[in-house]
PDB file of N, CA and C in Angstrom:
ATOM      1  N   MET A   1      -6.441  33.141   4.735  1.00  0.00           N
ATOM      2  CA  MET A   1      -4.989  33.058   5.735  1.00  0.00           C
ATOM      3  C   MET A   1      -4.510  31.709   6.177  1.00  0.00           C
ATOM      4  N   ARG A   2      -5.842  30.865   6.717  1.00  0.00           N
ATOM      5  CA  ARG A   2      -5.949  29.634   6.982  1.00  0.00           C
ATOM      6  C   ARG A   2      -5.173  28.514   6.054  1.00  0.00           C
ATOM      7  N   ASN A   3      -5.744  28.595   4.896  1.00  0.00           N
ATOM      8  CA  ASN A   3      -5.274  27.761   3.647  1.00  0.00           C
ATOM      9  C   ASN A   3      -3.571  28.040   3.494  1.00  0.00           C
ATOM     10  N   ASN A   4      -3.288  29.428   3.661  1.00  0.00           N
ATOM     11  CA  ASN A   4      -1.758  29.207   3.764  1.00  0.00           C
ATOM     12  C   ASN A   4      -0.943  28.530   4.776  1.00  0.00           C
ATOM     13  N   LEU A   5      -1.875  28.636   5.734  1.00  0.00           N
ATOM     14  CA  LEU A   5      -1.075  28.085   6.737  1.00  0.00           C
ATOM     15  C   LEU A   5      -1.293  26.309   6.869  1.00  0.00           C
ATOM     16  N   LEU A   6      -2.266  25.955   6.616  1.00  0.00           N
ATOM     17  CA  LEU A   6      -2.406  24.243   6.183  1.00  0.00           C
ATOM     18  C   LEU A   6      -1.562  23.772   5.001  1.00  0.00           C
ATOM     19  N   GLU A   7      -0.936  24.607   4.154  1.00  0.00           N
ATOM     20  CA  GLU A   7       0.124  24.535   3.003  1.00  0.00           C
ATOM     21  C   GLU A   7       1.379  24.214   3.930  1.00  0.00           C
ATOM     22  N   ARG A   8       1.327  24.484   5.256  1.00  0.00           N
ATOM     23  CA  ARG A   8       2.787  23.837   5.795  1.00  0.00           C
ATOM     24  C   ARG A   8       2.795  22.763   6.346  1.00  0.00           C
ATOM     25  N   ILE A   9       1.649  21.927   6.324  1.00  0.00           N
ATOM     26  CA  ILE A   9       1.169  20.683   6.838  1.00  0.00           C
ATOM     27  C   ILE A   9       1.313  19.598   5.654  1.00  0.00           C
ATOM     28  N   ALA A  10       1.923  18.355   5.926  1.00  0.00           N
ATOM     29  CA  ALA A  10       2.149  17.391   5.021  1.00  0.00           C
ATOM     30  C   ALA A  10       1.451  16.019   5.457  1.00  0.00           C
ATOM     31  N   ILE A  11       0.894  15.175   4.583  1.00  0.00           N
ATOM     32  CA  ILE A  11       1.105  13.539   4.951  1.00  0.00           C
ATOM     33  C   ILE A  11       1.559  12.866   4.119  1.00  0.00           C
ATOM     34  N   VAL A  12       2.370  12.439   4.179  1.00  0.00           N
ATOM     35  CA  VAL A  12       3.188  11.480   3.479  1.00  0.00           C
ATOM     36  C   VAL A  12       3.503   9.824   3.771  1.00  0.00           C
ATOM     37  N   PRO A  13       2.979   9.238   3.272  1.00  0.00           N
ATOM     38  CA  PRO A  13       3.077   7.776   3.958  1.00  0.00           C
ATOM     39  C   PRO A  13       4.413   7.147   4.320  1.00  0.00           C
ATOM     40  N   SER A  14       5.322   7.673   3.590  1.00  0.00           N
ATOM     41  CA  SER A  14       6.971   7.554   4.108  1.00  0.00           C
ATOM     42  C   SER A  14       7.631   7.723   4.883  1.00  0.00           C
ATOM     43  N   ILE A  15       6.761   9.138   5.535  1.00  0.00           N
ATOM     44  CA  ILE A  15       7.535  10.297   6.466  1.00  0.00           C
ATOM     45  C   ILE A  15       6.466  10.543   7.633  1.00  0.00           C
ATOM     46  N   CYS A  16       7.317   9.897   8.899  1.00  0.00           N
ATOM     47  CA  CYS A  16       6.517   9.853  10.020  1.00  0.00           C
ATOM     48  C   CYS A  16       5.498   9.265  10.174  1.00  0.00           C
ATOM     49  N   HIS A  17       5.702   7.689   9.474  1.00  0.00           N
ATOM     50  CA  HIS A  17       4.609   6.825   9.287  1.00  0.00           C
ATOM     51  C   HIS A  17       3.212   7.228   9.003  1.00  0.00           C
ATOM     52  N   GLY A  18       3.330   8.175   8.151  1.00  0.00           N
ATOM     53  CA  GLY A  18       1.999   9.014   7.388  1.00  0.00           C
ATOM     54  C   GLY A  18       1.088   9.815   8.110  1.00  0.00           C
ATOM     55  N   LYS A  19       1.977  10.192   9.502  1.00  0.00           N
ATOM     56  CA  LYS A  19       1.259  10.857  10.179  1.00  0.00           C
ATOM     57  C   LYS A  19       1.560  12.220   9.914  1.00  0.00           C
ATOM     58  N   PRO A  20       0.234  13.117  10.257  1.00  0.00           N
ATOM     59  CA  PRO A  20       0.424  14.764   9.816  1.00  0.00           C
ATOM     60  C   PRO A  20       2.026  15.436  10.203  1.00  0.00           C
ATOM     61  N   HIS A  21       2.664  15.742   9.327  1.00  0.00           N
ATOM     62  CA  HIS A  21       4.163  16.595  10.218  1.00  0.00           C
ATOM     63  C   HIS A  21       4.070  18.139   9.259  1.00  0.00           C
ATOM     64  N   ILE A  22       5.257  18.825   9.951  1.00  0.00           N
ATOM     65  CA  ILE A  22       5.496  20.120   9.180  1.00  0.00           C
ATOM     66  C   ILE A  22       6.477  19.785   7.802  1.00  0.00           C
ATOM     67  N   ARG A  23       5.629  20.219   6.788  1.00  0.00           N
ATOM     68  CA  ARG A  23       6.231  19.802   5.361  1.00  0.00           C
ATOM     69  C   ARG A  23       7.892  20.315   5.412  1.00  0.00           C
ATOM     70  N   GLY A  24       8.812  19.419   5.066  1.00  0.00           N
ATOM     71  CA  GLY A  24      10.109  19.890   4.849  1.00  0.00           C
ATOM     72  C   GLY A  24      10.622  19.317   6.436  1.00  0.00           C
ATOM     73  N   THR A  25      10.049  18.861   7.520  1.00  0.00           N
ATOM     74  CA  THR A  25      10.823  18.294   8.580  1.00  0.00           C
ATOM     75  C   THR A  25      10.056  17.141   8.724  1.00  0.00           C
ATOM     76  N   ARG A  26      10.584  16.103   9.848  1.00  0.00           N
ATOM     77  CA  ARG A  26      10.064  15.045  10.202  1.00  0.00           C
ATOM     78  C   ARG A  26       9.206  15.374  11.813  1.00  0.00           C
ATOM     79  N   ILE A  27       8.886  16.767  12.017  1.00  0.00           N
ATOM     80  CA  ILE A  27       8.428  17.292  13.226  1.00  0.00           C
ATOM     81  C   ILE A  27       6.728  17.413  12.910  1.00  0.00           C
ATOM     82  N   MET A  28       6.136  16.083  13.896  1.00  0.00           N
ATOM     83  CA  MET A  28       4.832  15.772  13.414  1.00  0.00           C
ATOM     84  C   MET A  28       3.958  16.993  14.426  1.00  0.00           C
ATOM     85  N   VAL A  29       2.954  16.708  13.805  1.00  0.00           N
ATOM     86  CA  VAL A  29       2.016  17.937  14.192  1.00  0.00           C
ATOM     87  C   VAL A  29       1.156  17.519  15.701  1.00  0.00           C
ATOM     88  N   GLU A  30       1.386  16.489  15.905  1.00  0.00           N
ATOM     89  CA  GLU A  30       1.352  15.854  17.286  1.00  0.00           C
ATOM     90  C   GLU A  30       2.255  16.153  18.372  1.00  0.00           C
ATOM     91  N   GLN A  31       2.944  15.838  17.773  1.00  0.00           N
ATOM     92  CA  GLN A  31       4.729  16.535  18.736  1.00  0.00           C
ATOM     93  C   GLN A  31       4.320  17.964  19.264  1.00  0.00           C
ATOM     94  N   VAL A  32       3.873  18.661  18.598  1.00  0.00           N
ATOM     95  CA  VAL A  32       4.368  20.379  18.494  1.00  0.00           C
ATOM     96  C   VAL A  32       2.696  20.513  19.509  1.00  0.00           C
ATOM     97  N   LEU A  33       1.422  20.094  19.384  1.00  0.00           N
ATOM     98  CA  LEU A  33       0.290  20.138  20.074  1.00  0.00           C
ATOM     99  C   LEU A  33       0.556  19.292  21.493  1.00  0.00           C
ATOM    100  N   ASP A  34       1.284  18.415  21.440  1.00  0.00           N
ATOM    101  CA  ASP A  34       1.657  17.940  23.155  1.00  0.00           C
ATOM    102  C   ASP A  34       2.381  18.852  23.862  1.00  0.00           C
ATOM    103  N   LEU A  35       3.164  19.722  23.252  1.00  0.00           N
ATOM    104  CA  LEU A  35       4.205  20.824  23.882  1.00  0.00           C
ATOM    105  C   LEU A  35       3.246  21.899  24.163  1.00  0.00           C
ATOM    106  N   LEU A  36       2.214  22.053  23.019  1.00  0.00           N
ATOM    107  CA  LEU A  36       1.648  23.094  23.906  1.00  0.00           C
ATOM    108  C   LEU A  36       0.384  23.102  24.781  1.00  0.00           C
ATOM    109  N   SER A  37      -0.127  21.399  24.800  1.00  0.00           N
ATOM    110  CA  SER A  37      -0.752  20.945  25.571  1.00  0.00           C
ATOM    111  C   SER A  37      -0.618  21.387  27.277  1.00  0.00           C
ATOM    112  N   ASP A  38       1.089  20.981  26.952  1.00  0.00           N
ATOM    113  CA  ASP A  38       1.657  20.715  28.243  1.00  0.00           C
ATOM    114  C   ASP A  38       2.105  22.075  29.127  1.00  0.00           C
ATOM    115  N   GLY A  39       1.544  23.127  27.990  1.00  0.00           N
ATOM    116  CA  GLY A  39       2.128  24.442  28.893  1.00  0.00           C
ATOM    117  C   GLY A  39       3.241  25.258  28.186  1.00  0.00           C
ATOM    118  N   ALA A  40       3.571  24.527  27.160  1.00  0.00           N
ATOM    119  CA  ALA A  40       4.602  25.304  26.431  1.00  0.00           C
ATOM    120  C   ALA A  40       3.986  26.389  25.562  1.00  0.00           C
ATOM    121  N   GLY A  41       4.922  27.654  25.015  1.00  0.00           N
ATOM    122  CA  GLY A  41       4.632  28.421  24.409  1.00  0.00           C
ATOM    123  C   GLY A  41       5.183  28.256  23.427  1.00  0.00           C
ATOM    124  N   PRO A  42       4.846  28.830  22.079  1.00  0.00           N
ATOM    125  CA  PRO A  42       5.845  28.947  20.664  1.00  0.00           C
ATOM    126  C   PRO A  42       7.246  29.331  21.064  1.00  0.00           C
ATOM    127  N   ASN A  43       7.298  30.469  21.643  1.00  0.00           N
ATOM    128  CA  ASN A  43       9.293  30.617  21.698  1.00  0.00           C
ATOM    129  C   ASN A  43       9.407  29.855  22.280  1.00  0.00           C
ATOM    130  N   GLU A  44       8.827  29.220  23.668  1.00  0.00           N
ATOM    131  CA  GLU A  44       9.538  27.811  23.978  1.00  0.00           C
ATOM    132  C   GLU A  44      10.173  26.765  23.395  1.00  0.00           C
ATOM    133  N   ILE A  45       8.879  26.244  22.457  1.00  0.00           N
ATOM    134  CA  ILE A  45       9.046  25.109  21.834  1.00  0.00           C
ATOM    135  C   ILE A  45       9.937  25.416  20.678  1.00  0.00           C
ATOM    136  N   ILE A  46      10.118  26.362  20.156  1.00  0.00           N
ATOM    137  CA  ILE A  46      11.138  27.065  18.930  1.00  0.00           C
ATOM    138  C   ILE A  46      12.684  26.751  19.618  1.00  0.00           C
ATOM    139  N   SER A  47      12.753  27.387  20.526  1.00  0.00           N
ATOM    140  CA  SER A  47      14.011  27.392  21.529  1.00  0.00           C
ATOM    141  C   SER A  47      14.510  26.378  22.359  1.00  0.00           C
ATOM    142  N   GLU A  48      13.692  25.717  22.557  1.00  0.00           N
ATOM    143  CA  GLU A  48      13.942  24.359  23.333  1.00  0.00           C
ATOM    144  C   GLU A  48      14.094  22.907  22.751  1.00  0.00           C
ATOM    145  N   ASP A  49      13.026  22.856  21.751  1.00  0.00           N
ATOM    146  CA  ASP A  49      12.689  21.883  21.387  1.00  0.00           C
ATOM    147  C   ASP A  49      12.932  21.725  20.256  1.00  0.00           C
ATOM    148  N   PHE A  50      12.566  22.362  19.429  1.00  0.00           N
ATOM    149  CA  PHE A  50      12.359  22.547  17.626  1.00  0.00           C
ATOM    150  C   PHE A  50      12.686  23.738  17.049  1.00  0.00           C
ATOM    151  N   PRO A  51      14.568  24.168  17.240  1.00  0.00           N
ATOM    152  CA  PRO A  51      14.886  25.328  16.636  1.00  0.00           C
ATOM    153  C   PRO A  51      14.529  25.161  15.107  1.00  0.00           C
ATOM    154  N   ASP A  52      14.250  24.595  14.312  1.00  0.00           N
ATOM    155  CA  ASP A  52      13.831  25.095  12.709  1.00  0.00           C
ATOM    156  C   ASP A  52      12.600  25.461  12.779  1.00  0.00           C
ATOM    157  N   LEU A  53      11.685  25.293  13.653  1.00  0.00           N
ATOM    158  CA  LEU A  53       9.999  25.550  13.539  1.00  0.00           C
ATOM    159  C   LEU A  53      10.119  27.087  13.465  1.00  0.00           C
ATOM    160  N   THR A  54       8.856  27.548  12.895  1.00  0.00           N
ATOM    161  CA  THR A  54       8.525  29.217  12.909  1.00  0.00           C
ATOM    162  C   THR A  54       7.179  29.121  13.797  1.00  0.00           C
ATOM    163  N   SER A  55       6.943  30.591  14.185  1.00  0.00           N
ATOM    164  CA  SER A  55       5.618  30.656  14.830  1.00  0.00           C
ATOM    165  C   SER A  55       4.753  30.341  13.654  1.00  0.00           C
ATOM    166  N   GLU A  56       4.726  30.497  12.801  1.00  0.00           N
ATOM    167  CA  GLU A  56       3.691  30.101  11.269  1.00  0.00           C
ATOM    168  C   GLU A  56       3.700  28.562  11.542  1.00  0.00           C
ATOM    169  N   ASP A  57       4.690  28.066  11.479  1.00  0.00           N
ATOM    170  CA  ASP A  57       4.507  26.316  11.455  1.00  0.00           C
ATOM    171  C   ASP A  57       3.716  25.781  12.700  1.00  0.00           C
ATOM    172  N   ILE A  58       4.002  26.416  14.056  1.00  0.00           N
ATOM    173  CA  ILE A  58       2.747  26.416  15.093  1.00  0.00           C
ATOM    174  C   ILE A  58       1.527  26.678  14.675  1.00  0.00           C
ATOM    175  N   ARG A  59       1.418  27.820  14.295  1.00  0.00           N
ATOM    176  CA  ARG A  59      -0.097  28.169  14.089  1.00  0.00           C
ATOM    177  C   ARG A  59      -0.731  27.198  13.193  1.00  0.00           C
ATOM    178  N   ALA A  60       0.112  26.895  12.440  1.00  0.00           N
ATOM    179  CA  ALA A  60      -0.529  25.466  11.315  1.00  0.00           C
ATOM    180  C   ALA A  60      -1.136  24.343  11.794  1.00  0.00           C
ATOM    181  N   CYS A  61       0.032  24.095  12.789  1.00  0.00           N
ATOM    182  CA  CYS A  61      -0.467  22.778  13.370  1.00  0.00           C
ATOM    183  C   CYS A  61      -1.632  23.203  14.286  1.00  0.00           C
ATOM    184  N   ILE A  62      -1.836  24.175  14.866  1.00  0.00           N
ATOM    185  CA  ILE A  62      -3.257  24.780  15.396  1.00  0.00           C
ATOM    186  C   ILE A  62      -4.122  24.806  14.387  1.00  0.00           C
ATOM    187  N   ALA A  63      -4.388  25.040  13.086  1.00  0.00           N
ATOM    188  CA  ALA A  63      -5.041  25.188  12.360  1.00  0.00           C
ATOM    189  C   ALA A  63      -5.440  24.092  11.651  1.00  0.00           C
ATOM    190  N   PHE A  64      -4.528  22.883  11.517  1.00  0.00           N
ATOM    191  CA  PHE A  64      -4.667  22.103  10.990  1.00  0.00           C
ATOM    192  C   PHE A  64      -5.788  20.956  11.957  1.00  0.00           C
ATOM    193  N   ALA A  65      -5.127  20.884  13.377  1.00  0.00           N
ATOM    194  CA  ALA A  65      -6.219  20.326  14.378  1.00  0.00           C
ATOM    195  C   ALA A  65      -7.460  21.057  14.485  1.00  0.00           C
ATOM    196  N   ASN A  66      -7.705  22.533  14.282  1.00  0.00           N
ATOM    197  CA  ASN A  66      -8.887  22.656  14.228  1.00  0.00           C
ATOM    198  C   ASN A  66      -9.875  22.396  12.708  1.00  0.00           C
ATOM    199  N   GLN A  67      -9.371  22.141  11.812  1.00  0.00           N
ATOM    200  CA  GLN A  67      -9.789  22.159  10.861  1.00  0.00           C
ATOM    201  C   GLN A  67     -10.437  20.260  10.748  1.00  0.00           C
ATOM    202  N   PHE A  68      -9.193  19.557  11.460  1.00  0.00           N
ATOM    203  CA  PHE A  68      -9.807  18.162  11.751  1.00  0.00           C
ATOM    204  C   PHE A  68     -11.091  18.153  12.316  1.00  0.00           C
ATOM    205  N   LEU A  69     -11.052  18.873  13.665  1.00  0.00           N
ATOM    206  CA  LEU A  69     -11.947  18.729  14.538  1.00  0.00           C
ATOM    207  C   LEU A  69     -13.738  19.284  13.934  1.00  0.00           C
ATOM    208  N   ALA A  70     -13.530  20.026  13.258  1.00  0.00           N
ATOM    209  CA  ALA A  70     -14.477  20.725  12.001  1.00  0.00           C
ATOM    210  C   ALA A  70     -15.063  19.629  11.236  1.00  0.00           C
ATOM    211  N   ASN A  71     -14.435  18.904  10.999  1.00  0.00           N
ATOM    212  CA  ASN A  71     -14.967  18.265   9.767  1.00  0.00           C
ATOM    213  C   ASN A  71     -14.982  16.710  10.250  1.00  0.00           C
ATOM    214  N   ASP A  72     -14.917  16.366  11.506  1.00  0.00           N
ATOM    215  CA  ASP A  72     -14.935  14.573  12.053  1.00  0.00           C
ATOM    216  C   ASP A  72     -16.077  14.782  13.125  1.00  0.00           C
ATOM    217  N   GLU A  73     -16.679  13.849  12.923  1.00  0.00           N
ATOM    218  CA  GLU A  73     -17.568  13.390  14.279  1.00  0.00           C
ATOM    219  C   GLU A  73     -16.922  12.910  15.333  1.00  0.00           C
ATOM    220  N   ILE A  74     -17.022  13.503  16.567  1.00  0.00           N
ATOM    221  CA  ILE A  74     -16.428  12.963  17.695  1.00  0.00           C
ATOM    222  C   ILE A  74     -17.505  12.153  18.940  1.00  0.00           C
ATOM    223  N   HIS A  75     -17.037  11.050  18.970  1.00  0.00           N
ATOM    224  CA  HIS A  75     -18.105  10.302  19.943  1.00  0.00           C
ATOM    225  C   HIS A  75     -17.525  10.273  21.300  1.00  0.00           C
ATOM    226  N   LEU A  76     -17.577  10.598  22.595  1.00  0.00           N
ATOM    227  CA  LEU A  76     -17.221  10.861  23.769  1.00  0.00           C
ATOM    228  C   LEU A  76     -18.066   9.677  24.146  1.00  0.00           C
ATOM    229  N   TYR A  77     -16.941   9.037  25.392  1.00  0.00           N
ATOM    230  CA  TYR A  77     -17.966   7.667  26.216  1.00  0.00           C
ATOM    231  C   TYR A  77     -17.299   7.890  27.198  1.00  0.00           C
ATOM    232  N   GLU A  78     -18.210   7.144  28.511  1.00  0.00           N
ATOM    233  CA  GLU A  78     -17.701   7.166  29.545  1.00  0.00           C
ATOM    234  C   GLU A  78     -17.316   5.925  30.001  1.00  0.00           C
ATOM    235  N   ALA A  79     -16.150   5.710  30.237  1.00  0.00           N
ATOM    236  CA  ALA A  79     -15.895   4.225  30.279  1.00  0.00           C
ATOM    237  C   ALA A  79     -16.448   3.619  31.397  1.00  0.00           C
ATOM    238  N   GLN A  80     -16.769   2.340  31.516  1.00  0.00           N
ATOM    239  CA  GLN A  80     -17.538   1.364  32.485  1.00  0.00           C
ATOM    240  C   GLN A  80     -16.792   1.334  33.442  1.00  0.00           C
ATOM    241  N   ARG A  81     -17.408   1.285  34.645  1.00  0.00           N
ATOM    242  CA  ARG A  81     -15.956   1.082  35.695  1.00  0.00           C
ATOM    243  C   ARG A  81     -16.558  -0.255  36.073  1.00  0.00           C
ATOM    244  N   VAL A  82     -14.959  -1.080  35.970  1.00  0.00           N
ATOM    245  CA  VAL A  82     -14.968  -2.529  36.315  1.00  0.00           C
ATOM    246  C   VAL A  82     -14.890  -2.787  37.570  1.00  0.00           C
ATOM    247  N   GLU A  83     -15.759  -3.796  38.311  1.00  0.00           N
ATOM    248  CA  GLU A  83     -15.716  -4.094  39.632  1.00  0.00           C
ATOM    249  C   GLU A  83     -14.846  -5.610  39.922  1.00  0.00           C
ATOM    250  N   ALA A  84     -13.964  -5.123  40.878  1.00  0.00           N
ATOM    251  CA  ALA A  84     -12.901  -6.145  41.325  1.00  0.00           C
ATOM    252  C   ALA A  84     -13.475  -7.377  41.728  1.00  0.00           C
ATOM    253  N   ALA A  85     -13.410  -8.595  41.077  1.00  0.00           N
ATOM    254  CA  ALA A  85     -14.177  -9.868  41.592  1.00  0.00           C
ATOM    255  C   ALA A  85     -14.031 -10.204  43.149  1.00  0.00           C
TER     256      ALA A  85
END
């Protein structure tokens, strides 16, 4: 099932500056994830922001992010505090 969802995501250098996007659109995965992280629900995203999307497209964005995180090593760091002179 996840592979079917991931087929909805495309990365084409000449579209969206090579960023992952929903196949057949110029809607970037990042845009959908930003809306989700801001608290928008799938129905809200579809009705208010991107009426051409489907709920499967939104699930594909989540699946893509999940696969990316599962296959990448992430290093977190604590920013050093800079003292004012």
